């Protein structure tokens, strides 16, 4: 669902509540262009979990392919300093 910014100004959070009952996300349009996405916190948290899960899968893949280094904290800090 797309919400016009002017409609949001006049109807406020009530308009967002109505939009989010129909779909997980609502797009806010400013001057005819999609600019913002609004979603409820539960959906946002779900998307964050998906993002973290994808990062974990990518990390495991890099480890399996030998593209990761296992270092102690001191070794890691030294490597960071050496790169500077």
PDB file of N, CA and C in Angstrom:
ATOM      1  N   UNK A   1       0.842  -1.180   0.000  1.00  0.00           N
ATOM      2  CA  UNK A   1       0.000   0.000   0.000  1.00  0.00           C
ATOM      3  C   UNK A   1       0.882   1.235   0.000  1.00  0.00           C
ATOM      4  N   UNK A   2       0.518   2.223  -0.781  1.00  0.00           N
ATOM      5  CA  UNK A   2       1.250   3.480  -0.831  1.00  0.00           C
ATOM      6  C   UNK A   2       0.425   4.567  -0.155  1.00  0.00           C
ATOM      7  N   UNK A   3       1.079   5.296   0.720  1.00  0.00           N
ATOM      8  CA  UNK A   3       0.445   6.383   1.457  1.00  0.00           C
ATOM      9  C   UNK A   3       1.072   7.695   1.002  1.00  0.00           C
ATOM     10  N   UNK A   4       0.248   8.673   0.689  1.00  0.00           N
ATOM     11  CA  UNK A   4       0.740   9.993   0.320  1.00  0.00           C
ATOM     12  C   UNK A   4       1.113  10.743   1.599  1.00  0.00           C
ATOM     13  N   UNK A   5       2.225  11.474   1.558  1.00  0.00           N
ATOM     14  CA  UNK A   5       2.693  12.201   2.735  1.00  0.00           C
ATOM     15  C   UNK A   5       1.626  13.143   3.272  1.00  0.00           C
ATOM     16  N   UNK A   6       0.870  13.801   2.398  1.00  0.00           N
ATOM     17  CA  UNK A   6      -0.181  14.720   2.856  1.00  0.00           C
ATOM     18  C   UNK A   6      -1.273  13.980   3.613  1.00  0.00           C
ATOM     19  N   UNK A   7      -1.615  12.768   3.168  1.00  0.00           N
ATOM     20  CA  UNK A   7      -2.607  11.961   3.887  1.00  0.00           C
ATOM     21  C   UNK A   7      -2.085  11.583   5.269  1.00  0.00           C
ATOM     22  N   UNK A   8      -0.802  11.304   5.343  1.00  0.00           N
ATOM     23  CA  UNK A   8      -0.195  10.958   6.626  1.00  0.00           C
ATOM     24  C   UNK A   8      -0.235  12.155   7.572  1.00  0.00           C
ATOM     25  N   UNK A   9      -0.018  13.346   7.035  1.00  0.00           N
ATOM     26  CA  UNK A   9      -0.082  14.552   7.862  1.00  0.00           C
ATOM     27  C   UNK A   9      -1.466  14.737   8.482  1.00  0.00           C
ATOM     28  N   UNK A  10      -2.488  14.476   7.698  1.00  0.00           N
ATOM     29  CA  UNK A  10      -3.849  14.725   8.186  1.00  0.00           C
ATOM     30  C   UNK A  10      -4.398  13.584   9.033  1.00  0.00           C
ATOM     31  N   UNK A  11      -4.042  12.334   8.705  1.00  0.00           N
ATOM     32  CA  UNK A  11      -4.647  11.193   9.406  1.00  0.00           C
ATOM     33  C   UNK A  11      -3.715  10.544  10.415  1.00  0.00           C
ATOM     34  N   UNK A  12      -2.410  10.800  10.286  1.00  0.00           N
ATOM     35  CA  UNK A  12      -1.438  10.328  11.266  1.00  0.00           C
ATOM     36  C   UNK A  12      -1.333   8.825  11.408  1.00  0.00           C
ATOM     37  N   UNK A  13      -1.122   8.406  12.638  1.00  0.00           N
ATOM     38  CA  UNK A  13      -0.865   7.000  12.952  1.00  0.00           C
ATOM     39  C   UNK A  13      -2.061   6.118  12.601  1.00  0.00           C
ATOM     40  N   UNK A  14      -3.251   6.660  12.654  1.00  0.00           N
ATOM     41  CA  UNK A  14      -4.438   5.883  12.290  1.00  0.00           C
ATOM     42  C   UNK A  14      -4.319   5.348  10.872  1.00  0.00           C
ATOM     43  N   UNK A  15      -3.824   6.179   9.972  1.00  0.00           N
ATOM     44  CA  UNK A  15      -3.632   5.756   8.583  1.00  0.00           C
ATOM     45  C   UNK A  15      -2.598   4.632   8.495  1.00  0.00           C
ATOM     46  N   UNK A  16      -1.527   4.757   9.267  1.00  0.00           N
ATOM     47  CA  UNK A  16      -0.507   3.693   9.277  1.00  0.00           C
ATOM     48  C   UNK A  16      -1.095   2.395   9.815  1.00  0.00           C
ATOM     49  N   UNK A  17      -1.851   2.479  10.889  1.00  0.00           N
ATOM     50  CA  UNK A  17      -2.483   1.274  11.450  1.00  0.00           C
ATOM     51  C   UNK A  17      -3.373   0.586  10.426  1.00  0.00           C
ATOM     52  N   UNK A  18      -4.163   1.372   9.712  1.00  0.00           N
ATOM     53  CA  UNK A  18      -5.050   0.802   8.689  1.00  0.00           C
ATOM     54  C   UNK A  18      -4.248   0.143   7.574  1.00  0.00           C
ATOM     55  N   UNK A  19      -3.184   0.797   7.135  1.00  0.00           N
ATOM     56  CA  UNK A  19      -2.361   0.261   6.053  1.00  0.00           C
ATOM     57  C   UNK A  19      -1.688  -1.045   6.471  1.00  0.00           C
ATOM     58  N   UNK A  20      -1.213  -1.096   7.714  1.00  0.00           N
ATOM     59  CA  UNK A  20      -0.484  -2.277   8.172  1.00  0.00           C
ATOM     60  C   UNK A  20      -1.419  -3.440   8.507  1.00  0.00           C
ATOM     61  N   UNK A  21      -2.702  -3.196   8.596  1.00  0.00           N
ATOM     62  CA  UNK A  21      -3.659  -4.298   8.744  1.00  0.00           C
ATOM     63  C   UNK A  21      -3.835  -5.024   7.419  1.00  0.00           C
ATOM     64  N   UNK A  22      -3.584  -4.329   6.318  1.00  0.00           N
ATOM     65  CA  UNK A  22      -3.739  -4.904   4.982  1.00  0.00           C
ATOM     66  C   UNK A  22      -2.469  -5.595   4.491  1.00  0.00           C
ATOM     67  N   UNK A  23      -1.307  -5.106   4.928  1.00  0.00           N
ATOM     68  CA  UNK A  23      -0.036  -5.623   4.420  1.00  0.00           C
ATOM     69  C   UNK A  23       1.022  -5.471   5.505  1.00  0.00           C
ATOM     70  N   UNK A  24       2.165  -6.163   5.327  1.00  0.00           N
ATOM     71  CA  UNK A  24       3.254  -6.076   6.307  1.00  0.00           C
ATOM     72  C   UNK A  24       3.995  -4.749   6.232  1.00  0.00           C
ATOM     73  N   UNK A  25       3.932  -4.096   5.091  1.00  0.00           N
ATOM     74  CA  UNK A  25       4.681  -2.855   4.885  1.00  0.00           C
ATOM     75  C   UNK A  25       3.804  -1.842   4.162  1.00  0.00           C
ATOM     76  N   UNK A  26       4.068  -0.558   4.431  1.00  0.00           N
ATOM     77  CA  UNK A  26       3.390   0.516   3.717  1.00  0.00           C
ATOM     78  C   UNK A  26       4.457   1.484   3.205  1.00  0.00           C
ATOM     79  N   UNK A  27       4.312   1.919   1.986  1.00  0.00           N
ATOM     80  CA  UNK A  27       5.255   2.851   1.375  1.00  0.00           C
ATOM     81  C   UNK A  27       4.685   4.253   1.498  1.00  0.00           C
ATOM     82  N   UNK A  28       5.519   5.197   1.919  1.00  0.00           N
ATOM     83  CA  UNK A  28       5.102   6.593   1.995  1.00  0.00           C
ATOM     84  C   UNK A  28       5.686   7.320   0.793  1.00  0.00           C
ATOM     85  N   UNK A  29       4.799   7.966   0.060  1.00  0.00           N
ATOM     86  CA  UNK A  29       5.174   8.678  -1.155  1.00  0.00           C
ATOM     87  C   UNK A  29       5.248  10.174  -0.863  1.00  0.00           C
ATOM     88  N   UNK A  30       6.348  10.794  -1.276  1.00  0.00           N
ATOM     89  CA  UNK A  30       6.528  12.235  -1.123  1.00  0.00           C
ATOM     90  C   UNK A  30       6.674  12.835  -2.511  1.00  0.00           C
ATOM     91  N   UNK A  31       5.795  13.759  -2.830  1.00  0.00           N
ATOM     92  CA  UNK A  31       5.776  14.403  -4.148  1.00  0.00           C
ATOM     93  C   UNK A  31       5.739  13.374  -5.286  1.00  0.00           C
ATOM     94  N   UNK A  32       4.957  12.332  -5.083  1.00  0.00           N
ATOM     95  CA  UNK A  32       4.759  11.336  -6.128  1.00  0.00           C
ATOM     96  C   UNK A  32       5.837  10.275  -6.233  1.00  0.00           C
ATOM     97  N   UNK A  33       6.834  10.319  -5.348  1.00  0.00           N
ATOM     98  CA  UNK A  33       7.912   9.328  -5.401  1.00  0.00           C
ATOM     99  C   UNK A  33       7.964   8.543  -4.096  1.00  0.00           C
ATOM    100  N   UNK A  34       8.106   7.232  -4.220  1.00  0.00           N
ATOM    101  CA  UNK A  34       8.225   6.379  -3.028  1.00  0.00           C
ATOM    102  C   UNK A  34       9.498   6.748  -2.282  1.00  0.00           C
ATOM    103  N   UNK A  35       9.360   7.035  -0.990  1.00  0.00           N
ATOM    104  CA  UNK A  35      10.527   7.499  -0.239  1.00  0.00           C
ATOM    105  C   UNK A  35      10.783   6.714   1.048  1.00  0.00           C
ATOM    106  N   UNK A  36       9.738   6.285   1.728  1.00  0.00           N
ATOM    107  CA  UNK A  36       9.902   5.614   3.016  1.00  0.00           C
ATOM    108  C   UNK A  36       9.091   4.319   3.047  1.00  0.00           C
ATOM    109  N   UNK A  37       9.512   3.404   3.929  1.00  0.00           N
ATOM    110  CA  UNK A  37       8.751   2.184   4.187  1.00  0.00           C
ATOM    111  C   UNK A  37       8.463   2.139   5.679  1.00  0.00           C
ATOM    112  N   UNK A  38       7.225   1.843   6.012  1.00  0.00           N
ATOM    113  CA  UNK A  38       6.818   1.712   7.405  1.00  0.00           C
ATOM    114  C   UNK A  38       6.347   0.284   7.614  1.00  0.00           C
ATOM    115  N   UNK A  39       6.728  -0.283   8.761  1.00  0.00           N
ATOM    116  CA  UNK A  39       6.287  -1.633   9.110  1.00  0.00           C
ATOM    117  C   UNK A  39       6.162  -1.718  10.617  1.00  0.00           C
ATOM    118  N   UNK A  40       5.421  -2.701  11.091  1.00  0.00           N
ATOM    119  CA  UNK A  40       5.333  -2.838  12.540  1.00  0.00           C
ATOM    120  C   UNK A  40       6.619  -3.465  13.061  1.00  0.00           C
ATOM    121  N   UNK A  41       6.831  -3.313  14.349  1.00  0.00           N
ATOM    122  CA  UNK A  41       8.094  -3.742  14.956  1.00  0.00           C
ATOM    123  C   UNK A  41       8.324  -5.247  14.836  1.00  0.00           C
ATOM    124  N   UNK A  42       7.276  -6.040  14.933  1.00  0.00           N
ATOM    125  CA  UNK A  42       7.431  -7.497  14.821  1.00  0.00           C
ATOM    126  C   UNK A  42       7.967  -7.873  13.442  1.00  0.00           C
ATOM    127  N   UNK A  43       7.456  -7.232  12.385  1.00  0.00           N
ATOM    128  CA  UNK A  43       7.942  -7.519  11.031  1.00  0.00           C
ATOM    129  C   UNK A  43       9.386  -7.048  10.868  1.00  0.00           C
ATOM    130  N   UNK A  44       9.703  -5.892  11.406  1.00  0.00           N
ATOM    131  CA  UNK A  44      11.079  -5.378  11.367  1.00  0.00           C
ATOM    132  C   UNK A  44      12.032  -6.356  12.060  1.00  0.00           C
ATOM    133  N   UNK A  45      11.647  -6.821  13.241  1.00  0.00           N
ATOM    134  CA  UNK A  45      12.503  -7.769  13.972  1.00  0.00           C
ATOM    135  C   UNK A  45      12.679  -9.062  13.190  1.00  0.00           C
ATOM    136  N   UNK A  46      11.630  -9.522  12.515  1.00  0.00           N
ATOM    137  CA  UNK A  46      11.732 -10.714  11.669  1.00  0.00           C
ATOM    138  C   UNK A  46      12.751 -10.492  10.551  1.00  0.00           C
ATOM    139  N   UNK A  47      12.684  -9.341   9.904  1.00  0.00           N
ATOM    140  CA  UNK A  47      13.629  -9.049   8.822  1.00  0.00           C
ATOM    141  C   UNK A  47      15.064  -8.953   9.338  1.00  0.00           C
ATOM    142  N   UNK A  48      15.248  -8.393  10.523  1.00  0.00           N
ATOM    143  CA  UNK A  48      16.586  -8.319  11.121  1.00  0.00           C
ATOM    144  C   UNK A  48      17.117  -9.729  11.403  1.00  0.00           C
ATOM    145  N   UNK A  49      16.254 -10.604  11.909  1.00  0.00           N
ATOM    146  CA  UNK A  49      16.670 -11.985  12.159  1.00  0.00           C
ATOM    147  C   UNK A  49      17.087 -12.663  10.858  1.00  0.00           C
ATOM    148  N   UNK A  50      16.338 -12.424   9.785  1.00  0.00           N
ATOM    149  CA  UNK A  50      16.692 -12.990   8.476  1.00  0.00           C
ATOM    150  C   UNK A  50      18.052 -12.475   8.014  1.00  0.00           C
ATOM    151  N   UNK A  51      18.277 -11.202   8.209  1.00  0.00           N
ATOM    152  CA  UNK A  51      19.547 -10.598   7.817  1.00  0.00           C
ATOM    153  C   UNK A  51      20.708 -11.192   8.611  1.00  0.00           C
ATOM    154  N   UNK A  52      20.520 -11.370   9.911  1.00  0.00           N
ATOM    155  CA  UNK A  52      21.569 -11.971  10.744  1.00  0.00           C
ATOM    156  C   UNK A  52      21.800 -13.430  10.377  1.00  0.00           C
ATOM    157  N   UNK A  53      20.732 -14.156  10.077  1.00  0.00           N
ATOM    158  CA  UNK A  53      20.853 -15.559   9.663  1.00  0.00           C
ATOM    159  C   UNK A  53      21.636 -15.670   8.360  1.00  0.00           C
ATOM    160  N   UNK A  54      21.366 -14.768   7.406  1.00  0.00           N
ATOM    161  CA  UNK A  54      22.095 -14.769   6.132  1.00  0.00           C
ATOM    162  C   UNK A  54      23.579 -14.477   6.364  1.00  0.00           C
ATOM    163  N   UNK A  55      23.881 -13.563   7.271  1.00  0.00           N
ATOM    164  CA  UNK A  55      25.283 -13.245   7.578  1.00  0.00           C
ATOM    165  C   UNK A  55      25.972 -14.450   8.214  1.00  0.00           C
ATOM    166  N   UNK A  56      25.271 -15.149   9.078  1.00  0.00           N
ATOM    167  CA  UNK A  56      25.843 -16.338   9.716  1.00  0.00           C
ATOM    168  C   UNK A  56      26.120 -17.432   8.686  1.00  0.00           C
ATOM    169  N   UNK A  57      25.190 -17.641   7.770  1.00  0.00           N
ATOM    170  CA  UNK A  57      25.377 -18.637   6.705  1.00  0.00           C
ATOM    171  C   UNK A  57      26.586 -18.271   5.848  1.00  0.00           C
ATOM    172  N   UNK A  58      26.709 -16.990   5.492  1.00  0.00           N
ATOM    173  CA  UNK A  58      27.849 -16.529   4.685  1.00  0.00           C
ATOM    174  C   UNK A  58      29.157 -16.732   5.440  1.00  0.00           C
ATOM    175  N   UNK A  59      29.154 -16.478   6.736  1.00  0.00           N
ATOM    176  CA  UNK A  59      30.357 -16.672   7.547  1.00  0.00           C
ATOM    177  C   UNK A  59      30.763 -18.143   7.575  1.00  0.00           C
ATOM    178  N   UNK A  60      29.799 -19.033   7.773  1.00  0.00           N
ATOM    179  CA  UNK A  60      30.109 -20.467   7.771  1.00  0.00           C
ATOM    180  C   UNK A  60      30.662 -20.898   6.405  1.00  0.00           C
ATOM    181  N   UNK A  61      30.120 -20.352   5.349  1.00  0.00           N
ATOM    182  CA  UNK A  61      30.595 -20.667   3.999  1.00  0.00           C
ATOM    183  C   UNK A  61      32.043 -20.213   3.823  1.00  0.00           C
ATOM    184  N   UNK A  62      32.348 -19.005   4.282  1.00  0.00           N
ATOM    185  CA  UNK A  62      33.720 -18.499   4.177  1.00  0.00           C
ATOM    186  C   UNK A  62      34.696 -19.361   4.981  1.00  0.00           C
ATOM    187  N   UNK A  63      34.269 -19.817   6.152  1.00  0.00           N
ATOM    188  CA  UNK A  63      35.125 -20.682   6.965  1.00  0.00           C
ATOM    189  C   UNK A  63      35.366 -21.998   6.239  1.00  0.00           C
ATOM    190  N   UNK A  64      34.309 -22.598   5.673  1.00  0.00           N
ATOM    191  CA  UNK A  64      34.450 -23.867   4.954  1.00  0.00           C
ATOM    192  C   UNK A  64      35.354 -23.726   3.735  1.00  0.00           C
ATOM    193  N   UNK A  65      35.324 -22.560   3.088  1.00  0.00           N
ATOM    194  CA  UNK A  65      36.144 -22.328   1.897  1.00  0.00           C
ATOM    195  C   UNK A  65      37.558 -21.877   2.240  1.00  0.00           C
ATOM    196  N   UNK A  66      37.864 -21.773   3.528  1.00  0.00           N
ATOM    197  CA  UNK A  66      39.205 -21.372   3.948  1.00  0.00           C
ATOM    198  C   UNK A  66      39.483 -19.884   3.768  1.00  0.00           C
ATOM    199  N   UNK A  67      38.445 -19.086   3.675  1.00  0.00           N
ATOM    200  CA  UNK A  67      38.640 -17.652   3.483  1.00  0.00           C
ATOM    201  C   UNK A  67      38.552 -16.868   4.795  1.00  0.00           C
ATOM    202  N   UNK A  68      38.646 -17.553   5.921  1.00  0.00           N
ATOM    203  CA  UNK A  68      38.560 -16.892   7.225  1.00  0.00           C
ATOM    204  C   UNK A  68      39.805 -17.208   8.036  1.00  0.00           C
ATOM    205  N   UNK A  69      40.171 -16.276   8.890  1.00  0.00           N
ATOM    206  CA  UNK A  69      41.305 -16.476   9.793  1.00  0.00           C
ATOM    207  C   UNK A  69      40.774 -16.572  11.213  1.00  0.00           C
ATOM    208  N   UNK A  70      41.372 -17.435  11.989  1.00  0.00           N
ATOM    209  CA  UNK A  70      41.017 -17.539  13.397  1.00  0.00           C
ATOM    210  C   UNK A  70      42.172 -16.938  14.179  1.00  0.00           C
ATOM    211  N   UNK A  71      41.874 -15.836  14.885  1.00  0.00           N
ATOM    212  CA  UNK A  71      42.891 -15.095  15.623  1.00  0.00           C
ATOM    213  C   UNK A  71      42.421 -14.847  17.049  1.00  0.00           C
ATOM    214  N   UNK A  72      43.383 -14.653  17.921  1.00  0.00           N
ATOM    215  CA  UNK A  72      43.037 -14.184  19.259  1.00  0.00           C
ATOM    216  C   UNK A  72      42.727 -12.690  19.148  1.00  0.00           C
ATOM    217  N   UNK A  73      42.181 -12.130  20.207  1.00  0.00           N
ATOM    218  CA  UNK A  73      41.880 -10.697  20.200  1.00  0.00           C
ATOM    219  C   UNK A  73      43.155  -9.883  20.006  1.00  0.00           C
ATOM    220  N   UNK A  74      44.234 -10.274  20.681  1.00  0.00           N
ATOM    221  CA  UNK A  74      45.498  -9.554  20.543  1.00  0.00           C
ATOM    222  C   UNK A  74      46.049  -9.644  19.118  1.00  0.00           C
ATOM    223  N   UNK A  75      45.957 -10.820  18.509  1.00  0.00           N
ATOM    224  CA  UNK A  75      46.413 -10.981  17.126  1.00  0.00           C
ATOM    225  C   UNK A  75      45.583 -10.117  16.175  1.00  0.00           C
ATOM    226  N   UNK A  76      44.302 -10.063  16.429  1.00  0.00           N
ATOM    227  CA  UNK A  76      43.412  -9.272  15.580  1.00  0.00           C
ATOM    228  C   UNK A  76      43.753  -7.780  15.695  1.00  0.00           C
ATOM    229  N   UNK A  77      43.942  -7.296  16.907  1.00  0.00           N
ATOM    230  CA  UNK A  77      44.296  -5.883  17.102  1.00  0.00           C
ATOM    231  C   UNK A  77      45.625  -5.574  16.452  1.00  0.00           C
ATOM    232  N   UNK A  78      46.605  -6.471  16.577  1.00  0.00           N
ATOM    233  CA  UNK A  78      47.900  -6.251  15.936  1.00  0.00           C
ATOM    234  C   UNK A  78      47.745  -6.187  14.419  1.00  0.00           C
ATOM    235  N   UNK A  79      46.937  -7.075  13.855  1.00  0.00           N
ATOM    236  CA  UNK A  79      46.712  -7.076  12.398  1.00  0.00           C
ATOM    237  C   UNK A  79      46.045  -5.771  11.963  1.00  0.00           C
ATOM    238  N   UNK A  80      45.110  -5.276  12.760  1.00  0.00           N
ATOM    239  CA  UNK A  80      44.481  -3.992  12.431  1.00  0.00           C
ATOM    240  C   UNK A  80      45.484  -2.855  12.449  1.00  0.00           C
ATOM    241  N   UNK A  81      46.356  -2.841  13.446  1.00  0.00           N
ATOM    242  CA  UNK A  81      47.388  -1.806  13.524  1.00  0.00           C
ATOM    243  C   UNK A  81      48.365  -1.914  12.365  1.00  0.00           C
ATOM    244  N   UNK A  82      48.706  -3.135  12.006  1.00  0.00           N
ATOM    245  CA  UNK A  82      49.637  -3.343  10.897  1.00  0.00           C
ATOM    246  C   UNK A  82      49.049  -2.853   9.569  1.00  0.00           C
ATOM    247  N   UNK A  83      47.733  -2.975   9.412  1.00  0.00           N
ATOM    248  CA  UNK A  83      47.091  -2.534   8.188  1.00  0.00           C
ATOM    249  C   UNK A  83      47.029  -1.010   8.064  1.00  0.00           C
ATOM    250  N   UNK A  84      47.131  -0.336   9.187  1.00  0.00           N
ATOM    251  CA  UNK A  84      47.105   1.129   9.141  1.00  0.00           C
ATOM    252  C   UNK A  84      48.432   1.625   8.661  1.00  0.00           C
TER     253      UNK A  84
END
